[in-house]
Amino acid sequence: MRFGEALRGGLFQLGERGGQGGALAVDVLGVGCHLKFQSVPSLRGAQDDAGAGDVRDLHVGRKGGEVDLVAQRVVHAVIVPPRRRIFPVPHLPGTAPCLPFTPAPRPYPARVTLFDPPAPLAERLRPRTVAEVVGQTHLLGPGRPLTRVLGSGRLGSLILWGPPGVGKTTLARLLAGEVGAHFIPLSAVTAGVKDVREAVTEAERLRGRGQKTILFLDEIHRFNKAQQDALLPHVESGLLTLIGATTENPSFEVNPALRSRARTLVLEALKPEEVRGLLERALTDPRGLSGVTAEPEALDLLARLAEGDARRALSTLEVASTLSNPVTPDAITEAFGRHLPQMDKNGEDFYNLISALHKSVRGSHVDGALYWLARMVEGGADPLYVARRVVRMAAEDIGLADPQALRLCIAARDTVEFLGSPEGDLALAQAVVYLALAPKSNSVYVAWKNALNVVRDGESLPIPLHLRNAPTALMRQQGYGKGYAYYFDDPEGSFAQNYLPDGVQLDLYAPTGEGWEARVADRWRKLRDAHGEGENAGT
């Protein structure tokens, strides 16, 4: 029986031996794999040059997924994770003794094996020491927080908050290595309280040996309150040192009790020059893209497009290297795909964008308003949500300075709902430009807040009788509506009567000098005088 002259480009070569089957153990990434092979009786009609039966099935372990192999004789395989690290091993029970083998020349990088594809470039270039970390000098520079922590050798619980691709996971692993702690990584996307309990059990076992345990919880904001509370007693006791990583604001997504037990460190997006340096390292580091070069313009373009995300930059460079060598700007553009503005629909960036849009409108900066609107629309924001916020801007910041603004924004909302996107987006742009150009007044907004504060902070005073409704004879007998002066019958009497609870004087509304409101300011002052409130009038 001859087996395996061309397995995956010749990773392994086996000799010849007769019999119905055989077993072999190979070292795959430092972990032993048992391979069992056998001839299949139903296929023995196909003979090789030596007249022996073809080997058609390769079994690795007992279960797993199917995969096709590039091989001279083997056409099918079932692959599972290795059982244990042993090399070499005796033959498997019920099989012929192990066949001798000699490794063939490896045309692939050292970590590529028959069973494992090469790791992504970003993973291969993951820093091995703190000195290799790119960026975050505000944390790792001389005298900075993490530098002092590492110098003392005492690491407390941390919350690492920052955008994607800035090294939160890498930094957590390196910190654990620097202080000699056992590292347990969990992802809040897939983990639960059961996984936390297992980590606690392992930490208790290791504590008996004098070793500390760091529990790294990626995407910690995805844990709900109950799941986060499960961490509290173990963080409090010091059994676990927690390092949580999140792209969301911990003020909103992490329980206050957990935040009080962990120090929050903000990681910043990498600067373009830092991203470019990382890309240059990928082209020269033995773990990177050996034999690949890139035009300087291509690296500059990618450093700008990545927007501080090292993982995305390296992944794009890896794809671009398969399109052209040297890597060109055109290859970068093709590999990067469509550039979408960064925005999490339910995250902090989303609300920062709507805040920037609102403040640009309020500040009458047309270009700024259009820019932030475009960022939201291109980032995937719901156009109807944006339309509702634009209506709010008209009521809050334009107000009576241009009463037409509210009507226009309502029409824009209806247009968005009727046409959808992208056709309806133009109506949003028109409304935003109109609001930015319109005169501004928040007098009604301020007056309404003042009125609410008076009601919330004061007592519920009785309504004067002459202002009460009197639909029945009994109510009229109780004095409801008595003495009310109907304006169209008695204008002077209408102005003379009181419209507030007895003994209450208020000064809630004061018009501005903007737009239409400026034209009605004189009427407002005359009305105040007519009501006998001129001495309380605003300016």
Protein backbone atom coordinates (compact mmCIF):
# COMPACT_ATOMS: atom_id res chain seq x y z
CA MET A 1 0.00 0.00 0.00
CA ARG A 2 1.39 3.42 -0.94
CA PHE A 3 0.05 6.52 0.76
CA GLY A 4 0.55 10.26 0.73
CA GLU A 5 3.23 11.26 -1.78
CA ALA A 6 1.39 14.53 -2.45
CA LEU A 7 -0.54 15.34 0.69
CA ARG A 8 -0.93 19.14 0.73
CA GLY A 9 2.09 19.86 -1.38
CA GLY A 10 4.13 17.16 0.37
CA LEU A 11 3.92 18.10 4.01
CA PHE A 12 4.39 14.43 4.93
CA GLN A 13 5.65 11.42 3.00
CA LEU A 14 4.90 7.85 4.03
CA GLY A 15 6.69 4.70 3.02
CA GLU A 16 5.15 1.46 1.78
CA ARG A 17 3.70 -1.34 3.83
CA GLY A 18 1.14 -3.99 3.13
CA GLY A 19 -1.88 -4.69 5.26
CA GLN A 20 -5.39 -3.42 5.77
CA GLY A 21 -4.53 -0.21 7.63
CA GLY A 22 -2.01 1.74 9.58
CA ALA A 23 -1.62 4.58 12.05
CA LEU A 24 0.65 7.59 12.26
CA ALA A 25 1.13 10.45 14.72
CA VAL A 26 2.35 13.85 13.50
CA ASP A 27 3.13 17.06 15.31
CA VAL A 28 0.71 19.82 14.23
CA LEU A 29 1.45 23.20 15.81
CA GLY A 30 2.97 21.42 18.78
CA VAL A 31 -0.06 19.20 19.41
CA GLY A 32 -0.15 15.50 18.48
CA CYS A 33 -2.64 14.29 15.85
CA HIS A 34 -3.51 10.62 15.33
CA LEU A 35 -3.99 9.61 11.70
CA LYS A 36 -5.58 6.28 10.85
CA PHE A 37 -5.77 5.10 7.25
CA GLN A 38 -7.14 1.99 5.66
CA SER A 39 -7.94 0.54 2.28
CA VAL A 40 -11.58 0.27 1.32
CA PRO A 41 -12.61 -3.15 -0.06
CA SER A 42 -15.16 -1.71 -2.45
CA LEU A 43 -12.45 0.41 -4.08
CA ARG A 44 -9.78 -2.24 -4.49
CA GLY A 45 -10.53 -2.60 -8.16
CA ALA A 46 -8.38 0.50 -8.82
CA GLN A 47 -4.79 -0.68 -8.61
CA ASP A 48 -1.60 1.36 -8.59
CA ASP A 49 1.62 0.38 -10.37
CA ALA A 50 2.64 -1.96 -7.59
CA GLY A 51 -0.73 -3.71 -7.70
CA ALA A 52 -1.79 -2.68 -4.20
CA GLY A 53 -5.19 -1.21 -3.31
CA ASP A 54 -5.68 2.56 -3.30
CA VAL A 55 -5.99 4.30 0.03
CA ARG A 56 -9.19 6.34 -0.25
CA ASP A 57 -10.17 7.33 3.31
CA LEU A 58 -8.18 9.23 5.92
CA HIS A 59 -9.62 9.39 9.44
CA VAL A 60 -8.28 11.85 12.02
CA GLY A 61 -9.92 11.20 15.36
CA ARG A 62 -13.55 10.10 15.57
CA LYS A 63 -15.68 13.06 14.52
CA GLY A 64 -15.48 16.38 12.79
CA GLY A 65 -16.18 18.09 9.49
CA GLU A 66 -15.46 16.96 5.96
CA VAL A 67 -12.67 18.49 3.90
CA ASP A 68 -11.17 17.72 0.48
CA LEU A 69 -7.43 17.13 0.36
CA VAL A 70 -4.97 17.69 -2.47
CA ALA A 71 -3.42 14.25 -2.59
CA GLN A 72 -2.30 11.61 -5.03
CA ARG A 73 -4.23 8.79 -3.39
CA VAL A 74 -6.41 10.24 -0.62
CA VAL A 75 -9.62 11.86 -1.84
CA HIS A 76 -11.63 12.29 1.37
CA ALA A 77 -10.93 13.04 5.02
CA VAL A 78 -12.68 13.54 8.34
CA ILE A 79 -10.80 15.94 10.60
CA VAL A 80 -11.19 16.68 14.32
CA PRO A 81 -9.00 18.40 16.92
CA PRO A 82 -6.09 16.29 18.18
CA ARG A 83 -6.55 14.12 21.24
CA ARG A 84 -3.32 14.87 23.05
CA ARG A 85 0.27 15.91 22.58
CA ILE A 86 2.23 12.71 21.97
CA PHE A 87 4.83 12.12 19.28
CA PRO A 88 5.49 9.49 18.15
CA VAL A 89 2.84 7.03 19.39
CA PRO A 90 2.25 3.31 19.08
CA HIS A 91 -0.09 2.11 16.42
CA LEU A 92 -3.79 2.25 17.12
CA PRO A 93 -5.50 -0.93 18.36
CA GLY A 94 -6.71 -3.17 15.58
CA THR A 95 -4.40 -1.69 12.95
CA ALA A 96 -1.05 -2.49 11.44
CA PRO A 97 2.04 -0.98 13.07
CA CYS A 98 2.90 2.65 12.35
CA LEU A 99 4.49 3.27 8.99
CA PRO A 100 7.80 5.09 8.85
CA PHE A 101 7.65 8.59 7.44
CA THR A 102 9.93 11.45 6.57
CA PRO A 103 8.80 15.09 6.46
CA ALA A 104 8.80 16.54 2.94
CA PRO A 105 10.09 20.05 2.22
CA ARG A 106 7.59 22.67 3.43
CA PRO A 107 6.49 25.14 0.74
CA TYR A 108 4.33 26.97 3.32
CA PRO A 109 5.15 29.18 6.33
CA ALA A 110 5.95 27.27 9.50
CA ARG A 111 2.46 27.66 11.03
CA VAL A 112 0.67 26.30 7.97
CA THR A 113 -0.20 22.63 8.32
CA LEU A 114 -2.36 20.03 6.70
CA PHE A 115 -5.20 20.97 9.02
CA ASP A 116 -4.84 24.72 9.73
CA PRO A 117 -4.95 27.62 7.25
CA PRO A 118 -2.49 30.44 7.85
CA ALA A 119 -3.56 32.89 10.51
CA PRO A 120 -4.67 36.34 9.30
CA LEU A 121 -1.94 38.93 9.01
CA ALA A 122 -3.31 40.93 11.92
CA GLU A 123 -3.08 37.86 14.14
CA ARG A 124 0.43 36.94 13.00
CA LEU A 125 1.67 40.47 13.71
CA ARG A 126 0.05 40.70 17.13
CA PRO A 127 2.66 42.31 19.44
CA ARG A 128 4.61 39.85 21.56
CA THR A 129 5.84 42.44 24.07
CA VAL A 130 4.60 45.78 25.34
CA ALA A 131 7.47 47.43 23.48
CA GLU A 132 5.98 46.28 20.17
CA VAL A 133 2.61 47.95 20.82
CA VAL A 134 1.88 50.72 18.32
CA GLY A 135 0.19 53.85 19.63
CA GLN A 136 -1.36 54.43 23.08
CA THR A 137 1.62 56.48 24.21
CA HIS A 138 -0.67 58.29 26.66
CA LEU A 139 -0.91 54.98 28.54
CA LEU A 140 2.41 53.29 27.81
CA GLY A 141 4.83 56.20 27.62
CA PRO A 142 7.34 57.01 30.37
CA GLY A 143 5.53 57.76 33.61
CA ARG A 144 2.16 56.93 32.11
CA PRO A 145 -0.52 54.87 33.94
CA LEU A 146 0.19 51.42 32.54
CA THR A 147 3.92 51.94 32.64
CA ARG A 148 3.70 52.67 36.37
CA VAL A 149 1.44 49.66 36.90
CA LEU A 150 3.85 47.33 35.13
CA GLY A 151 6.75 48.79 37.07
CA SER A 152 5.04 48.00 40.36
CA GLY A 153 4.00 44.50 39.25
CA ARG A 154 0.55 45.02 40.77
CA LEU A 155 -2.28 45.04 38.25
CA GLY A 156 -5.81 45.94 39.31
CA SER A 157 -9.05 45.49 37.40
CA LEU A 158 -9.37 47.59 34.25
CA ILE A 159 -11.98 48.63 31.72
CA LEU A 160 -10.35 49.27 28.33
CA TRP A 161 -12.57 51.58 26.31
CA GLY A 162 -11.73 52.38 22.71
CA PRO A 163 -12.71 51.97 19.05
CA PRO A 164 -12.15 48.70 17.15
CA GLY A 165 -8.66 47.70 16.11
CA VAL A 166 -6.64 49.71 18.62
CA GLY A 167 -5.23 46.77 20.59
CA LYS A 168 -7.53 46.21 23.56
CA THR A 169 -7.26 42.41 23.43
CA THR A 170 -3.55 42.49 22.71
CA LEU A 171 -2.88 44.85 25.58
CA ALA A 172 -4.84 42.66 27.99
CA ARG A 173 -2.80 39.58 27.00
CA LEU A 174 0.48 41.44 27.33
CA LEU A 175 -0.44 42.83 30.74
CA ALA A 176 -1.24 39.34 31.98
CA GLY A 177 2.11 38.10 30.70
CA GLU A 178 4.01 40.99 32.28
CA VAL A 179 2.63 40.29 35.75
CA GLY A 180 2.82 36.50 35.38
CA ALA A 181 -0.91 35.90 35.79
CA HIS A 182 -2.98 33.12 34.30
CA PHE A 183 -5.07 34.53 31.44
CA ILE A 184 -8.67 33.41 30.84
CA PRO A 185 -10.23 35.03 27.76
CA LEU A 186 -14.00 35.18 27.37
CA SER A 187 -16.24 36.96 24.90
CA ALA A 188 -19.46 38.40 26.26
CA VAL A 189 -21.04 37.65 22.88
CA THR A 190 -20.98 33.90 23.53
CA ALA A 191 -20.16 33.51 27.24
CA GLY A 192 -22.54 33.53 30.18
CA VAL A 193 -22.66 33.10 33.94
CA LYS A 194 -21.74 29.42 33.56
CA ASP A 195 -18.46 30.40 31.90
CA VAL A 196 -17.77 32.89 34.67
CA ARG A 197 -18.30 30.17 37.28
CA GLU A 198 -15.87 27.89 35.47
CA ALA A 199 -13.32 30.71 35.43
CA VAL A 200 -13.85 31.21 39.17
CA THR A 201 -13.29 27.49 39.79
CA GLU A 202 -10.06 27.58 37.82
CA ALA A 203 -8.93 30.75 39.61
CA GLU A 204 -9.54 29.13 43.01
CA ARG A 205 -7.47 26.11 41.98
CA LEU A 206 -4.61 28.30 40.78
CA ARG A 207 -4.73 30.51 43.87
CA GLY A 208 -3.81 27.45 45.91
CA ARG A 209 -0.58 27.39 43.90
CA GLY A 210 0.06 31.06 44.49
CA GLN A 211 -0.84 32.17 40.95
CA LYS A 212 -3.12 35.07 40.12
CA THR A 213 -5.82 34.92 37.45
CA ILE A 214 -6.84 37.60 34.98
CA LEU A 215 -10.28 37.24 33.42
CA PHE A 216 -10.44 39.08 30.12
CA LEU A 217 -14.00 39.82 29.05
CA ASP A 218 -14.22 41.13 25.52
CA GLU A 219 -17.31 43.15 24.55
CA ILE A 220 -18.18 43.48 28.23
CA HIS A 221 -21.01 45.85 27.37
CA ARG A 222 -22.92 42.86 25.96
CA PHE A 223 -23.24 41.35 29.43
CA ASN A 224 -26.55 42.32 31.04
CA LYS A 225 -26.82 43.62 34.59
CA ALA A 226 -27.26 40.18 36.15
CA GLN A 227 -24.27 38.79 34.29
CA GLN A 228 -22.10 41.74 35.29
CA ASP A 229 -23.26 41.40 38.90
CA ALA A 230 -22.01 37.80 38.88
CA LEU A 231 -18.47 39.17 38.58
CA LEU A 232 -18.71 41.53 41.54
CA PRO A 233 -17.90 39.26 44.53
CA HIS A 234 -14.90 37.69 42.81
CA VAL A 235 -13.49 41.03 41.67
CA GLU A 236 -14.16 42.45 45.13
CA SER A 237 -12.32 39.58 46.85
CA GLY A 238 -9.39 39.78 44.45
CA LEU A 239 -9.85 36.23 43.24
CA LEU A 240 -10.25 37.56 39.70
CA THR A 241 -8.54 40.55 38.18
CA LEU A 242 -11.01 41.72 35.56
CA ILE A 243 -9.96 43.34 32.30
CA GLY A 244 -13.01 44.30 30.30
CA ALA A 245 -12.84 45.59 26.75
CA THR A 246 -15.59 47.65 25.16
CA THR A 247 -16.23 49.96 22.24
CA GLU A 248 -19.18 51.53 24.07
CA ASN A 249 -19.16 54.20 26.74
CA PRO A 250 -18.77 52.39 30.10
CA SER A 251 -20.81 55.15 31.76
CA PHE A 252 -23.88 53.73 30.03
CA GLU A 253 -23.00 50.06 29.44
CA VAL A 254 -21.12 48.93 32.57
CA ASN A 255 -22.80 48.72 35.98
CA PRO A 256 -21.75 51.48 38.40
CA ALA A 257 -20.84 48.84 41.00
CA LEU A 258 -18.44 47.20 38.55
CA ARG A 259 -17.04 50.52 37.33
CA SER A 260 -16.25 51.50 40.90
CA ARG A 261 -14.07 48.39 41.24
CA ALA A 262 -12.20 48.86 37.98
CA ARG A 263 -10.14 51.66 36.52
CA THR A 264 -11.33 52.90 33.12
CA LEU A 265 -8.61 53.55 30.55
CA VAL A 266 -9.42 55.16 27.21
CA LEU A 267 -7.59 53.79 24.18
CA GLU A 268 -7.31 56.11 21.21
CA ALA A 269 -7.56 55.39 17.51
CA LEU A 270 -4.13 55.08 15.92
CA LYS A 271 -2.78 58.10 14.11
CA PRO A 272 -2.19 57.79 10.34
CA GLU A 273 1.57 57.81 10.81
CA GLU A 274 1.27 55.01 13.38
CA VAL A 275 -0.85 52.93 11.02
CA ARG A 276 1.66 53.51 8.23
CA GLY A 277 4.50 52.34 10.45
CA LEU A 278 2.54 49.20 11.22
CA LEU A 279 2.01 48.55 7.51
CA GLU A 280 5.74 48.95 6.86
CA ARG A 281 6.40 46.43 9.63
CA ALA A 282 4.04 43.97 7.93
CA LEU A 283 6.18 44.12 4.79
CA THR A 284 9.48 43.53 6.59
CA ASP A 285 8.66 41.34 9.58
CA PRO A 286 9.26 37.59 8.99
CA ARG A 287 5.76 36.96 10.33
CA GLY A 288 4.27 39.34 7.78
CA LEU A 289 4.04 39.42 3.99
CA SER A 290 7.43 38.15 2.99
CA GLY A 291 8.37 39.09 -0.56
CA VAL A 292 5.61 41.70 -0.90
CA THR A 293 6.36 45.37 -1.53
CA ALA A 294 4.07 48.38 -1.71
CA GLU A 295 4.17 51.78 -3.32
CA PRO A 296 4.45 54.64 -0.78
CA GLU A 297 1.24 56.19 -2.13
CA ALA A 298 -0.60 52.94 -1.45
CA LEU A 299 0.53 52.87 2.18
CA ASP A 300 -0.43 56.52 2.63
CA LEU A 301 -3.88 55.86 1.20
CA LEU A 302 -4.49 52.83 3.41
CA ALA A 303 -3.25 54.65 6.52
CA ARG A 304 -5.86 57.33 5.85
CA LEU A 305 -8.72 54.99 4.95
CA ALA A 306 -8.21 52.78 8.01
CA GLU A 307 -9.23 55.63 10.34
CA GLY A 308 -7.05 54.35 13.15
CA ASP A 309 -8.15 50.71 12.91
CA ALA A 310 -4.98 48.61 12.77
CA ARG A 311 -6.83 45.35 12.18
CA ARG A 312 -8.67 46.72 9.18
CA ALA A 313 -5.48 48.22 7.76
CA LEU A 314 -3.59 44.92 7.98
CA SER A 315 -6.50 42.89 6.61
CA THR A 316 -6.80 45.24 3.64
CA LEU A 317 -3.07 45.08 2.96
CA GLU A 318 -3.19 41.29 3.04
CA VAL A 319 -5.99 41.21 0.46
CA ALA A 320 -4.31 43.87 -1.69
CA SER A 321 -1.10 41.82 -1.74
CA THR A 322 -2.98 39.09 -3.59
CA LEU A 323 -4.12 41.56 -6.25
CA SER A 324 -0.77 43.12 -7.15
CA ASN A 325 2.86 43.06 -6.13
CA PRO A 326 3.99 45.71 -5.56
CA VAL A 327 0.76 46.85 -3.92
CA THR A 328 -0.66 49.89 -5.71
CA PRO A 329 -3.26 52.50 -4.68
CA ASP A 330 -5.72 50.86 -7.07
CA ALA A 331 -5.22 47.52 -5.32
CA ILE A 332 -5.79 49.19 -1.95
CA THR A 333 -9.00 50.79 -3.20
CA GLU A 334 -10.27 47.48 -4.56
CA ALA A 335 -9.32 45.53 -1.44
CA PHE A 336 -10.76 48.11 0.95
CA GLY A 337 -14.16 48.18 -0.74
CA ARG A 338 -16.70 50.90 -0.21
CA HIS A 339 -15.75 53.33 2.50
CA LEU A 340 -18.54 53.58 5.05
CA PRO A 341 -18.38 56.19 7.80
CA GLN A 342 -17.95 54.73 11.26
CA MET A 343 -21.24 54.71 13.13
CA ASP A 344 -22.84 52.33 15.58
CA LYS A 345 -26.61 52.75 15.35
CA ASN A 346 -27.04 52.16 19.07
CA GLY A 347 -23.69 53.39 20.31
CA GLU A 348 -22.09 56.58 21.48
CA ASP A 349 -20.91 57.62 18.01
CA PHE A 350 -24.49 57.66 16.76
CA TYR A 351 -25.57 60.16 19.39
CA ASN A 352 -22.40 62.18 18.93
CA LEU A 353 -23.23 62.50 15.24
CA ILE A 354 -26.79 63.69 15.84
CA SER A 355 -25.42 66.11 18.43
CA ALA A 356 -22.93 67.48 15.90
CA LEU A 357 -25.71 67.92 13.33
CA HIS A 358 -27.96 69.72 15.82
CA LYS A 359 -25.22 72.05 17.01
CA SER A 360 -24.16 72.88 13.44
CA VAL A 361 -27.75 73.87 12.62
CA ARG A 362 -27.98 75.93 15.79
CA GLY A 363 -24.70 77.64 14.92
CA SER A 364 -25.96 78.46 11.38
CA HIS A 365 -23.09 76.54 9.76
CA VAL A 366 -24.61 75.17 6.57
CA ASP A 367 -21.62 73.10 5.44
CA GLY A 368 -21.18 71.53 8.85
CA ALA A 369 -24.86 70.63 9.02
CA LEU A 370 -24.74 69.00 5.58
CA TYR A 371 -21.54 67.11 6.43
CA TRP A 372 -22.90 65.56 9.62
CA LEU A 373 -26.20 64.75 7.92
CA ALA A 374 -24.28 62.93 5.18
CA ARG A 375 -22.24 61.03 7.79
CA MET A 376 -25.44 59.80 9.41
CA VAL A 377 -27.20 58.85 6.18
CA GLU A 378 -24.15 57.08 4.71
CA GLY A 379 -23.50 55.38 8.03
CA GLY A 380 -26.91 53.72 7.89
CA ALA A 381 -29.00 55.87 10.24
CA ASP A 382 -32.76 55.51 9.91
CA PRO A 383 -33.86 58.50 7.77
CA LEU A 384 -37.13 58.75 9.71
CA TYR A 385 -35.23 59.05 12.97
CA VAL A 386 -33.12 61.85 11.47
CA ALA A 387 -36.30 63.52 10.19
CA ARG A 388 -37.82 63.46 13.68
CA ARG A 389 -34.71 65.08 15.10
CA VAL A 390 -34.80 67.76 12.38
CA VAL A 391 -38.41 68.55 13.34
CA ARG A 392 -37.22 68.91 16.92
CA MET A 393 -34.51 71.35 15.81
CA ALA A 394 -37.11 73.51 14.10
CA ALA A 395 -39.21 73.70 17.26
CA GLU A 396 -36.31 74.16 19.67
CA ASP A 397 -33.85 76.43 17.89
CA ILE A 398 -35.78 78.25 15.18
CA GLY A 399 -39.13 78.56 16.92
CA LEU A 400 -41.05 81.78 16.33
CA ALA A 401 -38.12 83.44 14.57
CA ASP A 402 -39.39 81.56 11.47
CA PRO A 403 -42.69 79.71 12.07
CA GLN A 404 -42.47 78.36 8.50
CA ALA A 405 -39.49 76.18 9.46
CA LEU A 406 -41.60 73.73 11.43
CA ARG A 407 -43.98 73.28 8.51
CA LEU A 408 -41.10 72.64 6.12
CA CYS A 409 -39.57 70.03 8.41
CA ILE A 410 -42.90 68.23 8.80
CA ALA A 411 -43.13 68.20 5.00
CA ALA A 412 -39.58 66.77 4.83
CA ARG A 413 -40.53 63.99 7.25
CA ASP A 414 -43.58 63.14 5.14
CA THR A 415 -41.40 63.11 2.02
CA VAL A 416 -38.92 60.71 3.58
CA GLU A 417 -41.74 58.43 4.66
CA PHE A 418 -43.36 58.60 1.19
CA LEU A 419 -40.25 58.26 -0.99
CA GLY A 420 -37.83 56.40 1.25
CA SER A 421 -34.07 56.54 0.80
CA PRO A 422 -32.16 57.73 -1.19
CA GLU A 423 -34.81 59.88 -2.91
CA GLY A 424 -36.18 61.24 0.35
CA ASP A 425 -32.70 62.13 1.62
CA LEU A 426 -32.76 65.28 -0.52
CA ALA A 427 -35.77 66.55 1.44
CA LEU A 428 -33.76 66.11 4.64
CA ALA A 429 -30.86 68.05 3.15
CA GLN A 430 -33.23 70.86 2.11
CA ALA A 431 -34.72 71.03 5.60
CA VAL A 432 -31.28 71.07 7.25
CA VAL A 433 -30.01 73.87 5.00
CA TYR A 434 -33.19 75.88 5.63
CA LEU A 435 -32.81 75.51 9.40
CA ALA A 436 -29.14 76.48 9.30
CA LEU A 437 -29.96 79.64 7.31
CA ALA A 438 -33.06 80.57 9.31
CA PRO A 439 -33.04 83.14 12.14
CA LYS A 440 -32.82 81.47 15.52
CA SER A 441 -34.95 81.76 18.62
CA ASN A 442 -35.25 79.43 21.58
CA SER A 443 -37.61 81.72 23.48
CA VAL A 444 -40.48 79.22 23.39
CA TYR A 445 -38.13 76.39 24.39
CA VAL A 446 -36.87 78.39 27.38
CA ALA A 447 -40.37 79.53 28.34
CA TRP A 448 -41.65 75.97 28.24
CA LYS A 449 -38.81 74.72 30.47
CA ASN A 450 -39.53 77.55 32.91
CA ALA A 451 -43.21 76.65 33.01
CA LEU A 452 -42.44 72.99 33.67
CA ASN A 453 -40.05 73.90 36.48
CA VAL A 454 -42.67 76.11 38.14
CA VAL A 455 -45.25 73.32 38.02
CA ARG A 456 -42.84 70.62 39.19
CA ASP A 457 -41.40 72.64 42.03
CA GLY A 458 -44.60 74.38 43.21
CA GLU A 459 -47.85 73.26 44.72
CA SER A 460 -51.01 72.68 42.71
CA LEU A 461 -52.81 75.95 43.38
CA PRO A 462 -56.57 76.19 42.80
CA ILE A 463 -57.85 77.46 39.46
CA PRO A 464 -59.61 80.87 39.78
CA LEU A 465 -63.39 80.45 39.58
CA HIS A 466 -63.84 82.76 36.60
CA LEU A 467 -61.49 80.54 34.52
CA ARG A 468 -63.31 77.30 35.31
CA ASN A 469 -65.65 75.52 32.94
CA ALA A 470 -69.38 75.66 33.90
CA PRO A 471 -71.35 73.18 31.74
CA THR A 472 -73.98 72.38 34.42
CA ALA A 473 -76.32 74.43 36.62
CA LEU A 474 -74.75 73.02 39.76
CA MET A 475 -71.32 74.27 38.67
CA ARG A 476 -72.72 77.68 37.90
CA GLN A 477 -74.33 77.73 41.37
CA GLN A 478 -70.84 77.05 42.80
CA GLY A 479 -69.52 80.13 41.04
CA TYR A 480 -67.73 78.41 38.17
CA GLY A 481 -67.17 80.86 35.31
CA LYS A 482 -68.66 83.77 37.25
CA GLY A 483 -67.20 87.13 36.26
CA TYR A 484 -65.35 85.86 33.19
CA ALA A 485 -64.91 88.65 30.61
CA TYR A 486 -65.29 87.35 27.05
CA TYR A 487 -62.65 89.12 24.96
CA PHE A 488 -64.83 89.78 21.92
CA ASP A 489 -67.56 91.29 24.08
CA ASP A 490 -65.37 93.10 26.58
CA PRO A 491 -61.70 93.49 25.47
CA GLU A 492 -60.77 95.78 28.36
CA GLY A 493 -62.39 93.51 30.92
CA SER A 494 -60.64 90.55 29.36
CA PHE A 495 -57.27 92.22 29.82
CA ALA A 496 -58.10 93.29 33.36
CA GLN A 497 -58.95 89.84 34.71
CA ASN A 498 -56.36 87.51 36.24
CA TYR A 499 -55.14 84.44 34.29
CA LEU A 500 -52.93 82.90 36.99
CA PRO A 501 -53.70 81.42 40.42
CA ASP A 502 -54.32 84.05 43.06
CA GLY A 503 -51.11 85.63 44.28
CA VAL A 504 -48.95 84.18 41.50
CA GLN A 505 -46.89 86.34 39.14
CA LEU A 506 -44.76 84.77 36.42
CA ASP A 507 -42.36 85.96 33.74
CA LEU A 508 -41.87 82.91 31.56
CA TYR A 509 -41.72 84.11 27.94
CA ALA A 510 -39.60 86.85 26.45
CA PRO A 511 -39.29 87.27 22.65
CA THR A 512 -35.96 87.64 20.92
CA GLY A 513 -35.01 90.15 18.26
CA GLU A 514 -34.69 87.46 15.55
CA GLY A 515 -36.85 87.17 12.43
CA TRP A 516 -40.61 87.14 12.72
CA GLU A 517 -40.43 87.21 16.52
CA ALA A 518 -38.76 90.60 16.40
CA ARG A 519 -41.82 91.95 14.58
CA VAL A 520 -44.20 90.77 17.30
CA ALA A 521 -42.09 91.93 20.23
CA ASP A 522 -43.87 95.31 20.29
CA ARG A 523 -47.25 93.58 20.45
CA TRP A 524 -46.00 91.38 23.27
CA ARG A 525 -44.95 94.45 25.28
CA LYS A 526 -48.30 96.16 24.68
CA LEU A 527 -50.14 93.03 25.82
CA ARG A 528 -48.09 92.95 28.99
CA ASP A 529 -48.98 96.54 29.69
CA ALA A 530 -52.65 95.85 28.99
CA HIS A 531 -52.60 93.01 31.50
CA GLY A 532 -50.96 95.26 34.04
CA GLU A 533 -47.72 93.28 33.91
CA GLY A 534 -45.53 95.80 32.14
CA GLU A 535 -43.19 96.12 35.10
CA ASN A 536 -42.41 92.39 34.79
CA ALA A 537 -41.82 92.41 31.05
CA GLY A 538 -38.61 90.94 29.73
CA THR A 539 -36.27 92.67 27.36
